[in-house]
Amino acid sequence: MSTSAAAERAGKAAGGVLLTLSAGQFLMTLDTSVMNVAIATVAKDVGTTVTGIQGAITLYTLVMAMCMVPGGKIGSMIGRRRAFAIGCVVYGLGSLITALAPNLPILILGWSVLEGVGAALILPAIVALVAGNFPPEGRPRAYGLVMGAGAIAVAVGPLVGGIATTYFSWRYVFVGEVVIVAAILLLARRISDAPLETRVGFDVVGALLNAIGLGLAVFGVLRSAEWGWVTAKAGAPSLLGLSLTVWFVLGGLLVMWLFFERESHIEERGGEPLVKPSLFSNRQMTGGLLMFLFLFLVQAGLFFTIPLYLSVSLGLTALETGVRILPLSITLLIAAIGIPRFFPDASPRRVVRLGLLAMFLGIVVLLTAIDASADATIVTVPLLLAGLGIGALASQLGAVTVSAVPDELSPEVGGLQNTATNLGAAIGTALAGSILIGALTTSFLQGVEQNPAIPEQVKTQADVELAGGVPFLSDADLETALINAGVAPDVTAAVLDVNAQARVDGLRSALTVLALVALLGVFFARRIPTQPPR
């Protein structure tokens, strides 16, 4: 009887730890998806422009990417639970400042900087704390739930943001985050942490090189939609005939090479590098990191294109868009929880490949269904399939990556893992956005040129003014702009038809690239082991 009671208490304790870590992961991911549906409202409230708020979103991603690896190392030095708690305090302070922000600089301080630094301490610590609080056989399910919580935050973010913005204020979201952080800090006392055996050093120069290298590369990728990937867009800055994106990415790669050279030298001398370069010879770990990159690239691309289709092409409100995305959360949770529970001995490689194929199939279904006359129901089945795929990968990748190294290295691997997810998300959003706008622009200009109802003067003006990129506009916004410009009704109708088809062509092009990336991931999954972590 006492054994049974002890087992029950242990189960409750494990459940409390899992709830705490999942809540932390959910919170770290919620901000961007909430802010994306409230950009115009936030800009008006703090007296800035939409571009200013988009810059704050970009900076939040940059701060996380730049600080993630040092954040993991700090967890090794001061303890995972302590790093998690300090990160929560910093994040909560940032949320409070954001909720009260009267202007853009204060908003950037609270949200982009403090919340970004807090997240860089919290996320690597979560990975390490799962490894420290669950046995190997229980880790796939634990990692699946924690990662699933993050993906669900992306899915329900528009719904939460839509409700708050429509009926209350976007500031209440950040007030709610402060409350959640306080609850997490109370629950965090139940989390076990491995004792620190030795004091390790902190490579300040390496941290700076890592931050600068990743910062340059990620910033270049995030600006690719405005600057162009290789050739500079019309009106965009360039250097030696190439887009600044190329130079930022190349500069980032050069600095990262210097970083790894320095870390290799420190490791060879028996010192304590920020990241051990020898870790990258571990096939299983690098395979897991690569799959994280693929997963978040496709996931971010989907969460860019589908809400854009629902809100702009179909004119749904933020609340309606959030409701339409919810099916993904359902199948994601089913896969993330169900696969480890009912198929604990399943091959991780097979599960990952089936997950990628489910994502690929979901994108293909959407790709074939989308057209100018389609309605919102066409996203349901694709989202159910994509959710299954994301949940399948979430159920395996965390355990696969961390189990490849000794537990004491789990904070460093957590930093690398979250760096891969940030890179994947940044590339996915930028790639989907640039492909969409490029295809939209080509289709729109060709449609205008070939439409006999549109006068030659309008065609010439469109070629000159829109060569740098056609904005993704709803019919209502475009019609208002054309009427204000004094365009004749018959010409306005013709341009609206061309724009509707161009939007579809842009979405199809972006979805095609995402489908190819998901399929490419199937081939790279060979690095994932065939046996579950033990």
Protein backbone atom coordinates (compact mmCIF):
# COMPACT_ATOMS: atom_id res chain seq x y z
CA MET A 1 0.00 0.00 0.00
CA SER A 2 2.81 2.35 0.93
CA THR A 3 4.58 1.51 -2.33
CA SER A 4 1.44 2.37 -4.26
CA ALA A 5 1.04 5.65 -2.36
CA ALA A 6 4.67 6.54 -3.01
CA ALA A 7 4.24 5.80 -6.71
CA GLU A 8 1.13 7.99 -6.79
CA ARG A 9 2.99 10.85 -5.11
CA ALA A 10 5.87 10.45 -7.55
CA GLY A 11 3.42 10.54 -10.44
CA LYS A 12 1.81 13.72 -9.14
CA ALA A 13 5.21 15.32 -8.63
CA ALA A 14 6.25 14.44 -12.18
CA GLY A 15 2.96 15.82 -13.46
CA GLY A 16 3.57 19.08 -11.59
CA VAL A 17 7.07 19.39 -13.03
CA LEU A 18 5.77 18.72 -16.53
CA LEU A 19 2.99 21.29 -16.13
CA THR A 20 5.49 23.89 -14.92
CA LEU A 21 7.95 23.34 -17.77
CA SER A 22 5.17 23.18 -20.38
CA ALA A 23 3.73 26.45 -19.06
CA GLY A 24 7.18 28.02 -19.43
CA GLN A 25 7.52 26.81 -23.02
CA PHE A 26 3.97 27.99 -23.84
CA LEU A 27 4.67 31.45 -22.45
CA MET A 28 7.96 31.87 -24.35
CA THR A 29 6.23 31.19 -27.66
CA LEU A 30 2.98 33.08 -27.13
CA ASP A 31 4.19 36.66 -27.55
CA THR A 32 5.00 36.77 -31.24
CA SER A 33 1.79 35.06 -32.40
CA VAL A 34 -0.29 37.33 -30.14
CA MET A 35 1.45 40.49 -31.34
CA ASN A 36 1.15 39.58 -35.01
CA VAL A 37 -2.64 40.02 -34.94
CA ALA A 38 -2.50 43.23 -32.91
CA ILE A 39 0.29 45.11 -34.69
CA ALA A 40 -1.88 48.01 -35.90
CA THR A 41 -3.57 48.44 -32.50
CA VAL A 42 -0.29 48.30 -30.57
CA ALA A 43 1.31 50.80 -32.95
CA LYS A 44 -1.53 53.24 -32.40
CA ASP A 45 -1.44 52.80 -28.60
CA VAL A 46 2.28 53.50 -28.23
CA GLY A 47 2.40 56.25 -30.84
CA THR A 48 4.46 54.55 -33.52
CA THR A 49 4.05 52.93 -36.93
CA VAL A 50 3.41 49.34 -38.02
CA THR A 51 7.05 49.25 -39.16
CA GLY A 52 8.14 50.16 -35.63
CA ILE A 53 6.23 47.25 -34.09
CA GLN A 54 7.54 44.86 -36.76
CA GLY A 55 11.03 46.04 -35.85
CA ALA A 56 10.33 45.18 -32.19
CA ILE A 57 9.19 41.68 -33.24
CA THR A 58 12.38 41.26 -35.28
CA LEU A 59 14.53 42.42 -32.36
CA TYR A 60 12.83 39.93 -30.01
CA THR A 61 13.82 37.09 -32.36
CA LEU A 62 17.35 38.49 -32.67
CA VAL A 63 17.90 38.80 -28.91
CA MET A 64 16.77 35.20 -28.36
CA ALA A 65 18.96 33.86 -31.16
CA MET A 66 22.01 35.82 -29.96
CA CYS A 67 21.68 34.86 -26.28
CA MET A 68 20.49 31.24 -26.49
CA VAL A 69 23.89 29.50 -26.41
CA PRO A 70 25.28 31.72 -23.60
CA GLY A 71 21.99 31.18 -21.77
CA GLY A 72 22.53 27.43 -21.86
CA LYS A 73 26.07 27.81 -20.55
CA ILE A 74 24.92 30.01 -17.68
CA GLY A 75 22.52 27.21 -16.72
CA SER A 76 25.51 24.88 -16.40
CA MET A 77 27.31 27.36 -14.19
CA ILE A 78 24.58 28.41 -11.75
CA GLY A 79 22.23 25.44 -11.96
CA ARG A 80 19.35 24.71 -14.33
CA ARG A 81 16.57 25.45 -11.87
CA ARG A 82 18.17 28.71 -10.79
CA ALA A 83 18.67 29.79 -14.40
CA PHE A 84 15.01 28.89 -15.08
CA ALA A 85 13.85 30.96 -12.09
CA ILE A 86 16.06 33.97 -12.91
CA GLY A 87 14.87 33.81 -16.51
CA CYS A 88 11.25 33.82 -15.31
CA VAL A 89 11.89 36.90 -13.14
CA VAL A 90 13.55 38.76 -16.05
CA TYR A 91 10.78 37.68 -18.42
CA GLY A 92 8.05 38.68 -15.95
CA LEU A 93 9.66 42.10 -15.47
CA GLY A 94 9.77 42.52 -19.25
CA SER A 95 6.08 41.58 -19.52
CA LEU A 96 5.15 44.12 -16.84
CA ILE A 97 7.12 46.89 -18.56
CA THR A 98 5.51 45.95 -21.89
CA ALA A 99 2.01 46.06 -20.38
CA LEU A 100 2.67 49.60 -19.11
CA ALA A 101 4.76 50.82 -22.08
CA PRO A 102 3.78 54.41 -23.10
CA ASN A 103 6.01 54.49 -26.19
CA LEU A 104 8.07 52.32 -28.56
CA PRO A 105 11.46 52.53 -26.74
CA ILE A 106 9.91 51.29 -23.48
CA LEU A 107 8.05 48.56 -25.41
CA ILE A 108 11.34 47.45 -26.99
CA LEU A 109 13.09 47.45 -23.58
CA GLY A 110 10.39 45.31 -21.98
CA TRP A 111 9.39 42.99 -24.78
CA SER A 112 12.27 42.73 -27.23
CA VAL A 113 15.20 42.95 -24.78
CA LEU A 114 14.14 41.75 -21.32
CA GLU A 115 11.71 39.08 -22.51
CA GLY A 116 14.26 37.95 -25.11
CA VAL A 117 17.01 37.62 -22.48
CA GLY A 118 14.60 35.86 -20.10
CA ALA A 119 13.61 33.39 -22.81
CA ALA A 120 17.29 32.68 -23.56
CA LEU A 121 17.75 31.59 -19.94
CA ILE A 122 14.47 29.69 -19.68
CA LEU A 123 14.38 27.63 -22.87
CA PRO A 124 17.77 25.83 -22.56
CA ALA A 125 17.02 25.23 -18.87
CA ILE A 126 13.70 23.57 -19.78
CA VAL A 127 15.51 21.06 -21.99
CA ALA A 128 17.99 20.26 -19.21
CA LEU A 129 15.31 20.06 -16.50
CA VAL A 130 13.30 17.51 -18.49
CA ALA A 131 16.46 15.40 -18.72
CA GLY A 132 17.07 15.80 -15.00
CA ASN A 133 13.52 15.08 -13.80
CA PHE A 134 12.44 12.19 -16.03
CA PRO A 135 14.02 8.79 -16.70
CA PRO A 136 15.08 8.06 -20.31
CA GLU A 137 11.96 6.02 -21.04
CA GLY A 138 9.72 8.91 -19.90
CA ARG A 139 11.53 11.66 -21.75
CA PRO A 140 9.95 11.27 -25.22
CA ARG A 141 6.49 11.90 -23.76
CA ALA A 142 7.76 14.76 -21.58
CA TYR A 143 9.59 16.45 -24.46
CA GLY A 144 6.57 15.87 -26.70
CA LEU A 145 4.28 17.67 -24.27
CA VAL A 146 6.72 20.53 -23.66
CA MET A 147 7.36 21.10 -27.38
CA GLY A 148 3.67 20.63 -28.11
CA ALA A 149 2.89 23.41 -25.63
CA GLY A 150 5.11 25.75 -27.65
CA ALA A 151 3.50 24.80 -30.95
CA ILE A 152 0.01 25.19 -29.46
CA ALA A 153 0.99 28.69 -28.29
CA VAL A 154 1.68 29.58 -31.93
CA ALA A 155 -1.69 28.14 -32.95
CA VAL A 156 -3.83 29.76 -30.23
CA GLY A 157 -1.88 33.01 -30.14
CA PRO A 158 -4.03 34.64 -32.84
CA LEU A 159 -7.16 33.56 -30.93
CA VAL A 160 -5.87 34.98 -27.63
CA GLY A 161 -4.68 38.15 -29.35
CA GLY A 162 -7.94 38.51 -31.25
CA ILE A 163 -10.08 38.21 -28.10
CA ALA A 164 -7.87 40.57 -26.07
CA THR A 165 -7.61 43.18 -28.84
CA THR A 166 -11.30 43.02 -29.80
CA TYR A 167 -12.90 43.02 -26.37
CA PHE A 168 -10.26 44.33 -23.93
CA SER A 169 -6.71 45.49 -24.68
CA TRP A 170 -3.54 43.85 -25.94
CA ARG A 171 -1.94 44.99 -22.66
CA TYR A 172 -3.99 42.43 -20.73
CA VAL A 173 -2.07 39.65 -22.49
CA PHE A 174 1.16 40.84 -20.87
CA VAL A 175 -0.53 41.36 -17.51
CA GLY A 176 -1.67 37.74 -17.78
CA GLU A 177 1.91 36.72 -18.51
CA VAL A 178 3.06 38.34 -15.26
CA VAL A 179 0.47 36.29 -13.36
CA ILE A 180 1.52 33.08 -15.13
CA VAL A 181 5.19 33.78 -14.39
CA ALA A 182 4.35 34.19 -10.70
CA ALA A 183 2.54 30.84 -10.71
CA ILE A 184 5.46 29.17 -12.51
CA LEU A 185 7.91 30.49 -9.91
CA LEU A 186 5.78 29.02 -7.11
CA LEU A 187 5.59 25.64 -8.85
CA ALA A 188 9.30 25.64 -9.80
CA ARG A 189 10.26 24.79 -6.22
CA ARG A 190 9.13 21.21 -6.91
CA ILE A 191 11.59 20.80 -9.77
CA SER A 192 14.70 18.76 -9.00
CA ASP A 193 18.09 19.98 -10.13
CA ALA A 194 21.33 18.02 -10.33
CA PRO A 195 23.98 19.36 -7.92
CA LEU A 196 26.81 21.33 -9.44
CA GLU A 197 29.93 19.22 -9.34
CA THR A 198 32.47 21.74 -10.55
CA ARG A 199 32.58 25.42 -11.32
CA VAL A 200 33.01 26.11 -15.00
CA GLY A 201 34.30 29.24 -16.69
CA PHE A 202 32.39 31.52 -19.02
CA ASP A 203 33.95 32.44 -22.35
CA VAL A 204 32.99 36.12 -22.70
CA VAL A 205 34.77 36.60 -26.03
CA GLY A 206 33.13 33.44 -27.39
CA ALA A 207 29.73 34.67 -26.22
CA LEU A 208 30.26 37.96 -28.06
CA LEU A 209 31.38 36.20 -31.25
CA ASN A 210 28.41 33.85 -31.08
CA ALA A 211 25.97 36.73 -30.52
CA ILE A 212 27.43 38.86 -33.32
CA GLY A 213 27.60 35.98 -35.81
CA LEU A 214 24.08 34.70 -35.21
CA GLY A 215 22.75 38.26 -34.96
CA LEU A 216 24.16 39.25 -38.35
CA ALA A 217 22.93 36.09 -40.09
CA VAL A 218 19.44 36.12 -38.57
CA PHE A 219 19.00 39.85 -39.17
CA GLY A 220 19.96 39.41 -42.82
CA VAL A 221 17.45 36.58 -43.23
CA LEU A 222 14.69 38.55 -41.49
CA ARG A 223 15.27 41.54 -43.81
CA SER A 224 15.38 39.44 -46.99
CA ALA A 225 11.73 40.19 -47.84
CA GLU A 226 12.55 43.92 -48.07
CA TRP A 227 16.10 43.67 -49.41
CA GLY A 228 15.93 40.58 -51.63
CA TRP A 229 17.89 37.35 -51.15
CA VAL A 230 20.68 37.84 -53.73
CA THR A 231 19.82 40.68 -56.10
CA ALA A 232 18.68 43.84 -54.37
CA LYS A 233 15.03 44.74 -54.88
CA ALA A 234 14.09 48.02 -56.53
CA GLY A 235 14.77 50.82 -54.06
CA ALA A 236 16.52 48.50 -51.58
CA PRO A 237 20.16 49.08 -50.49
CA SER A 238 22.90 47.04 -52.13
CA LEU A 239 26.66 46.55 -52.05
CA LEU A 240 28.65 45.61 -55.17
CA GLY A 241 25.37 44.83 -56.91
CA LEU A 242 24.24 42.32 -54.27
CA SER A 243 21.50 42.56 -51.67
CA LEU A 244 22.62 43.38 -48.14
CA THR A 245 21.06 40.05 -47.10
CA VAL A 246 23.99 38.26 -48.78
CA TRP A 247 26.56 40.38 -46.96
CA PHE A 248 24.90 40.07 -43.56
CA VAL A 249 24.62 36.28 -43.88
CA LEU A 250 28.21 35.95 -45.15
CA GLY A 251 29.45 38.22 -42.37
CA GLY A 252 27.54 36.16 -39.81
CA LEU A 253 29.00 32.91 -41.15
CA LEU A 254 32.52 34.37 -41.04
CA VAL A 255 32.11 35.42 -37.41
CA MET A 256 30.62 32.01 -36.53
CA TRP A 257 33.68 30.36 -38.13
CA LEU A 258 35.91 32.50 -35.88
CA PHE A 259 33.73 31.47 -32.93
CA PHE A 260 34.15 27.75 -33.61
CA GLU A 261 37.87 28.15 -34.23
CA ARG A 262 38.19 29.80 -30.83
CA GLU A 263 36.07 27.16 -29.10
CA SER A 264 38.11 24.34 -30.71
CA HIS A 265 41.33 25.94 -29.48
CA ILE A 266 39.94 26.23 -25.93
CA GLU A 267 38.71 22.63 -25.95
CA GLU A 268 42.05 21.32 -27.25
CA ARG A 269 43.85 23.10 -24.38
CA GLY A 270 41.54 21.42 -21.86
CA GLY A 271 39.63 24.62 -21.11
CA GLU A 272 35.88 25.17 -20.84
CA PRO A 273 34.47 26.44 -24.15
CA LEU A 274 31.04 27.97 -24.51
CA VAL A 275 30.15 25.07 -26.83
CA LYS A 276 32.26 21.97 -27.31
CA PRO A 277 32.87 21.70 -31.09
CA SER A 278 33.50 17.97 -30.62
CA LEU A 279 29.77 17.62 -29.91
CA PHE A 280 29.09 18.21 -33.60
CA SER A 281 30.80 14.94 -34.49
CA ASN A 282 27.90 13.23 -32.70
CA ARG A 283 25.70 12.05 -35.57
CA GLN A 284 22.60 11.61 -33.43
CA MET A 285 22.80 15.09 -31.89
CA THR A 286 23.44 16.88 -35.18
CA GLY A 287 20.63 14.87 -36.77
CA GLY A 288 18.25 16.02 -34.05
CA LEU A 289 19.34 19.66 -34.45
CA LEU A 290 18.86 19.43 -38.22
CA MET A 291 15.36 18.02 -37.79
CA PHE A 292 14.54 20.87 -35.39
CA LEU A 293 15.62 23.29 -38.12
CA PHE A 294 13.40 21.57 -40.71
CA LEU A 295 10.44 21.35 -38.32
CA PHE A 296 10.45 25.00 -37.32
CA LEU A 297 11.16 26.18 -40.86
CA VAL A 298 8.05 24.45 -42.20
CA GLN A 299 5.97 25.26 -39.12
CA ALA A 300 6.84 28.98 -39.24
CA GLY A 301 6.14 29.08 -42.97
CA LEU A 302 2.71 27.55 -42.43
CA PHE A 303 1.89 29.93 -39.60
CA PHE A 304 2.84 32.80 -41.91
CA THR A 305 0.90 31.76 -45.01
CA ILE A 306 -2.30 30.25 -43.57
CA PRO A 307 -3.25 33.17 -41.28
CA LEU A 308 -2.42 35.52 -44.15
CA TYR A 309 -4.81 33.60 -46.43
CA LEU A 310 -7.57 33.56 -43.82
CA SER A 311 -7.27 37.17 -42.67
CA VAL A 312 -6.38 38.96 -45.92
CA SER A 313 -7.67 36.82 -48.79
CA LEU A 314 -10.90 35.81 -47.01
CA GLY A 315 -11.24 38.83 -44.73
CA LEU A 316 -11.66 36.88 -41.47
CA THR A 317 -11.16 38.70 -38.18
CA ALA A 318 -8.29 37.83 -35.86
CA LEU A 319 -10.74 35.91 -33.69
CA GLU A 320 -12.16 33.93 -36.62
CA THR A 321 -8.64 33.23 -37.91
CA GLY A 322 -7.63 31.85 -34.50
CA VAL A 323 -10.67 29.55 -34.41
CA ARG A 324 -9.87 28.18 -37.87
CA ILE A 325 -6.30 27.32 -36.82
CA LEU A 326 -7.38 25.40 -33.70
CA PRO A 327 -7.70 21.97 -35.44
CA LEU A 328 -3.91 21.87 -35.65
CA SER A 329 -3.67 22.06 -31.85
CA ILE A 330 -5.97 19.06 -31.43
CA THR A 331 -4.03 16.59 -33.58
CA LEU A 332 -0.72 18.03 -32.37
CA LEU A 333 -1.56 17.15 -28.77
CA ILE A 334 -2.90 13.73 -29.77
CA ALA A 335 0.36 12.88 -31.55
CA ALA A 336 2.69 14.44 -28.96
CA ILE A 337 1.03 12.57 -26.08
CA GLY A 338 -0.25 9.46 -27.82
CA ILE A 339 2.84 8.28 -29.71
CA PRO A 340 5.13 7.98 -26.64
CA ARG A 341 2.32 6.49 -24.54
CA PHE A 342 0.94 3.89 -26.96
CA PHE A 343 4.03 3.29 -29.10
CA PRO A 344 6.95 3.66 -26.65
CA ASP A 345 9.15 1.30 -28.66
CA ALA A 346 8.49 2.88 -32.04
CA SER A 347 11.51 3.76 -34.16
CA PRO A 348 12.22 7.52 -33.75
CA ARG A 349 13.44 7.65 -37.36
CA ARG A 350 10.19 6.14 -38.62
CA VAL A 351 8.06 8.45 -36.47
CA VAL A 352 10.00 11.52 -37.66
CA ARG A 353 9.68 10.49 -41.30
CA LEU A 354 5.97 9.79 -40.98
CA GLY A 355 5.57 13.17 -39.28
CA LEU A 356 7.36 14.97 -42.10
CA LEU A 357 5.25 13.08 -44.65
CA ALA A 358 2.07 14.08 -42.79
CA MET A 359 3.17 17.73 -42.95
CA PHE A 360 4.01 17.32 -46.63
CA LEU A 361 0.62 15.74 -47.35
CA GLY A 362 -1.21 18.49 -45.46
CA ILE A 363 0.55 21.18 -47.49
CA VAL A 364 -0.18 19.35 -50.75
CA VAL A 365 -3.88 19.05 -49.87
CA LEU A 366 -4.02 22.79 -49.20
CA LEU A 367 -2.02 23.50 -52.32
CA THR A 368 -4.51 21.68 -54.53
CA ALA A 369 -7.61 23.10 -52.80
CA ILE A 370 -6.69 26.77 -52.70
CA ASP A 371 -8.10 29.01 -55.44
CA ALA A 372 -9.70 32.42 -55.81
CA SER A 373 -13.19 31.08 -54.97
CA ALA A 374 -12.23 28.80 -52.03
CA ASP A 375 -13.50 29.42 -48.50
CA ALA A 376 -12.06 28.91 -45.01
CA THR A 377 -13.11 25.24 -44.75
CA ILE A 378 -10.26 24.15 -47.04
CA VAL A 379 -7.67 24.68 -44.27
CA THR A 380 -9.23 22.20 -41.81
CA VAL A 381 -7.92 18.91 -43.21
CA PRO A 382 -4.46 20.33 -44.04
CA LEU A 383 -4.15 21.69 -40.49
CA LEU A 384 -5.22 18.35 -38.98
CA LEU A 385 -2.49 16.61 -41.00
CA ALA A 386 0.12 19.28 -40.21
CA GLY A 387 -0.72 19.03 -36.50
CA LEU A 388 -0.18 15.26 -36.59
CA GLY A 389 3.19 15.79 -38.25
CA ILE A 390 4.35 18.51 -35.85
CA GLY A 391 3.21 16.46 -32.85
CA ALA A 392 5.00 13.36 -34.15
CA LEU A 393 8.30 15.23 -34.46
CA ALA A 394 7.76 16.94 -31.10
CA SER A 395 7.33 13.54 -29.44
CA GLN A 396 10.81 12.38 -30.54
CA LEU A 397 13.30 15.16 -31.26
CA GLY A 398 13.91 16.48 -27.74
CA ALA A 399 14.73 13.05 -26.34
CA VAL A 400 16.79 12.10 -29.39
CA THR A 401 18.95 15.23 -29.16
CA VAL A 402 19.54 15.27 -25.40
CA SER A 403 20.02 11.51 -25.06
CA ALA A 404 22.94 11.76 -27.48
CA VAL A 405 25.11 13.40 -24.79
CA PRO A 406 25.67 12.98 -21.03
CA ASP A 407 23.08 14.69 -18.84
CA GLU A 408 25.57 17.28 -17.61
CA LEU A 409 25.80 18.64 -21.17
CA SER A 410 22.02 19.00 -21.53
CA PRO A 411 22.00 22.81 -20.89
CA GLU A 412 24.50 23.37 -23.72
CA VAL A 413 22.51 21.09 -26.01
CA GLY A 414 19.37 22.97 -24.95
CA GLY A 415 20.98 26.20 -26.10
CA LEU A 416 21.94 24.65 -29.45
CA GLN A 417 18.48 23.12 -29.83
CA ASN A 418 16.73 26.45 -29.30
CA THR A 419 19.21 28.19 -31.58
CA ALA A 420 18.23 25.71 -34.31
CA THR A 421 14.53 26.38 -33.68
CA ASN A 422 15.05 30.16 -33.84
CA LEU A 423 17.05 29.88 -37.04
CA GLY A 424 14.41 27.58 -38.56
CA ALA A 425 11.58 29.93 -37.61
CA ALA A 426 13.41 32.99 -38.96
CA ILE A 427 14.30 31.27 -42.25
CA GLY A 428 10.81 29.77 -42.62
CA THR A 429 9.04 33.09 -42.16
CA ALA A 430 11.46 34.99 -44.39
CA LEU A 431 11.51 32.31 -47.10
CA ALA A 432 7.72 31.94 -47.22
CA GLY A 433 7.28 35.72 -47.23
CA SER A 434 9.80 36.44 -49.97
CA ILE A 435 8.59 33.60 -52.22
CA LEU A 436 4.98 34.70 -51.72
CA ILE A 437 5.65 38.38 -52.52
CA GLY A 438 7.90 37.50 -55.47
CA ALA A 439 5.31 35.20 -57.07
CA LEU A 440 2.50 37.65 -56.26
CA THR A 441 4.38 40.49 -57.93
CA THR A 442 5.16 38.48 -61.07
CA SER A 443 1.61 37.17 -61.39
CA PHE A 444 0.03 40.58 -60.73
CA LEU A 445 2.17 42.46 -63.25
CA GLN A 446 1.65 39.76 -65.90
CA GLY A 447 -2.08 39.75 -65.23
CA VAL A 448 -2.28 43.52 -65.56
CA GLU A 449 -0.21 43.45 -68.77
CA GLN A 450 -2.40 40.77 -70.38
CA ASN A 451 -5.78 42.21 -69.32
CA PRO A 452 -7.34 44.24 -72.19
CA ALA A 453 -9.69 46.06 -69.79
CA ILE A 454 -6.77 47.85 -68.15
CA PRO A 455 -5.48 50.98 -70.00
CA GLU A 456 -1.86 51.18 -71.13
CA GLN A 457 -1.23 54.15 -68.83
CA VAL A 458 -2.22 52.07 -65.78
CA LYS A 459 -0.04 49.17 -66.98
CA THR A 460 2.98 51.43 -67.35
CA GLN A 461 2.39 53.01 -63.95
CA ALA A 462 2.06 49.55 -62.32
CA ASP A 463 5.34 48.36 -63.89
CA VAL A 464 7.20 51.39 -62.54
CA GLU A 465 5.67 51.67 -59.06
CA LEU A 466 5.30 47.96 -58.21
CA ALA A 467 8.54 46.53 -59.59
CA GLY A 468 9.95 46.29 -56.06
CA GLY A 469 7.05 44.16 -54.85
CA VAL A 470 3.26 44.07 -54.79
CA PRO A 471 1.81 44.20 -51.25
CA PHE A 472 -0.46 41.34 -50.13
CA LEU A 473 -3.72 43.33 -50.03
CA SER A 474 -7.32 42.35 -49.39
CA ASP A 475 -9.94 43.19 -52.03
CA ALA A 476 -11.44 45.82 -49.72
CA ASP A 477 -8.13 47.62 -49.14
CA LEU A 478 -7.17 47.51 -52.81
CA GLU A 479 -10.59 48.74 -53.92
CA THR A 480 -10.41 51.66 -51.49
CA ALA A 481 -6.93 52.58 -52.75
CA LEU A 482 -8.05 52.45 -56.39
CA ILE A 483 -11.16 54.53 -55.74
CA ASN A 484 -9.11 57.13 -53.87
CA ALA A 485 -6.73 57.23 -56.86
CA GLY A 486 -9.65 58.01 -59.19
CA VAL A 487 -9.48 54.74 -61.15
CA ALA A 488 -12.58 54.01 -63.26
CA PRO A 489 -15.00 51.33 -61.90
CA ASP A 490 -14.48 48.90 -64.79
CA VAL A 491 -10.69 49.15 -64.44
CA THR A 492 -10.99 48.71 -60.67
CA ALA A 493 -12.99 45.50 -61.18
CA ALA A 494 -10.36 44.16 -63.60
CA VAL A 495 -7.49 44.95 -61.22
CA LEU A 496 -9.36 43.26 -58.35
CA ASP A 497 -9.71 40.08 -60.42
CA VAL A 498 -6.00 40.14 -61.27
CA ASN A 499 -5.08 40.70 -57.62
CA ALA A 500 -7.27 37.82 -56.42
CA GLN A 501 -5.54 35.40 -58.79
CA ALA A 502 -2.10 36.83 -57.97
CA ARG A 503 -2.71 36.23 -54.25
CA VAL A 504 -3.50 32.59 -54.98
CA ASP A 505 -0.38 32.24 -57.15
CA GLY A 506 1.77 33.75 -54.39
CA LEU A 507 0.32 31.44 -51.72
CA ARG A 508 0.73 28.39 -53.96
CA SER A 509 4.37 29.24 -54.64
CA ALA A 510 5.16 29.64 -50.93
CA LEU A 511 3.33 26.41 -50.05
CA THR A 512 5.16 24.52 -52.82
CA VAL A 513 8.54 25.53 -51.35
CA LEU A 514 7.40 24.48 -47.86
CA ALA A 515 6.22 21.11 -49.21
CA LEU A 516 9.62 20.55 -50.85
CA VAL A 517 11.43 21.43 -47.61
CA ALA A 518 9.27 18.93 -45.67
CA LEU A 519 10.03 16.25 -48.26
CA LEU A 520 13.74 17.09 -48.15
CA GLY A 521 13.65 16.54 -44.40
CA VAL A 522 12.58 12.93 -44.97
CA PHE A 523 15.93 12.21 -46.64
CA PHE A 524 17.97 13.93 -43.90
CA ALA A 525 16.16 11.93 -41.21
CA ARG A 526 18.70 9.13 -41.71
CA ARG A 527 20.69 10.68 -38.85
CA ILE A 528 17.85 9.96 -36.42
CA PRO A 529 18.35 6.61 -34.60
CA THR A 530 16.08 3.64 -35.19
CA GLN A 531 15.95 2.68 -31.50
CA PRO A 532 14.21 4.76 -28.78
CA PRO A 533 16.55 6.56 -26.32
CA ARG A 534 17.46 4.41 -23.35
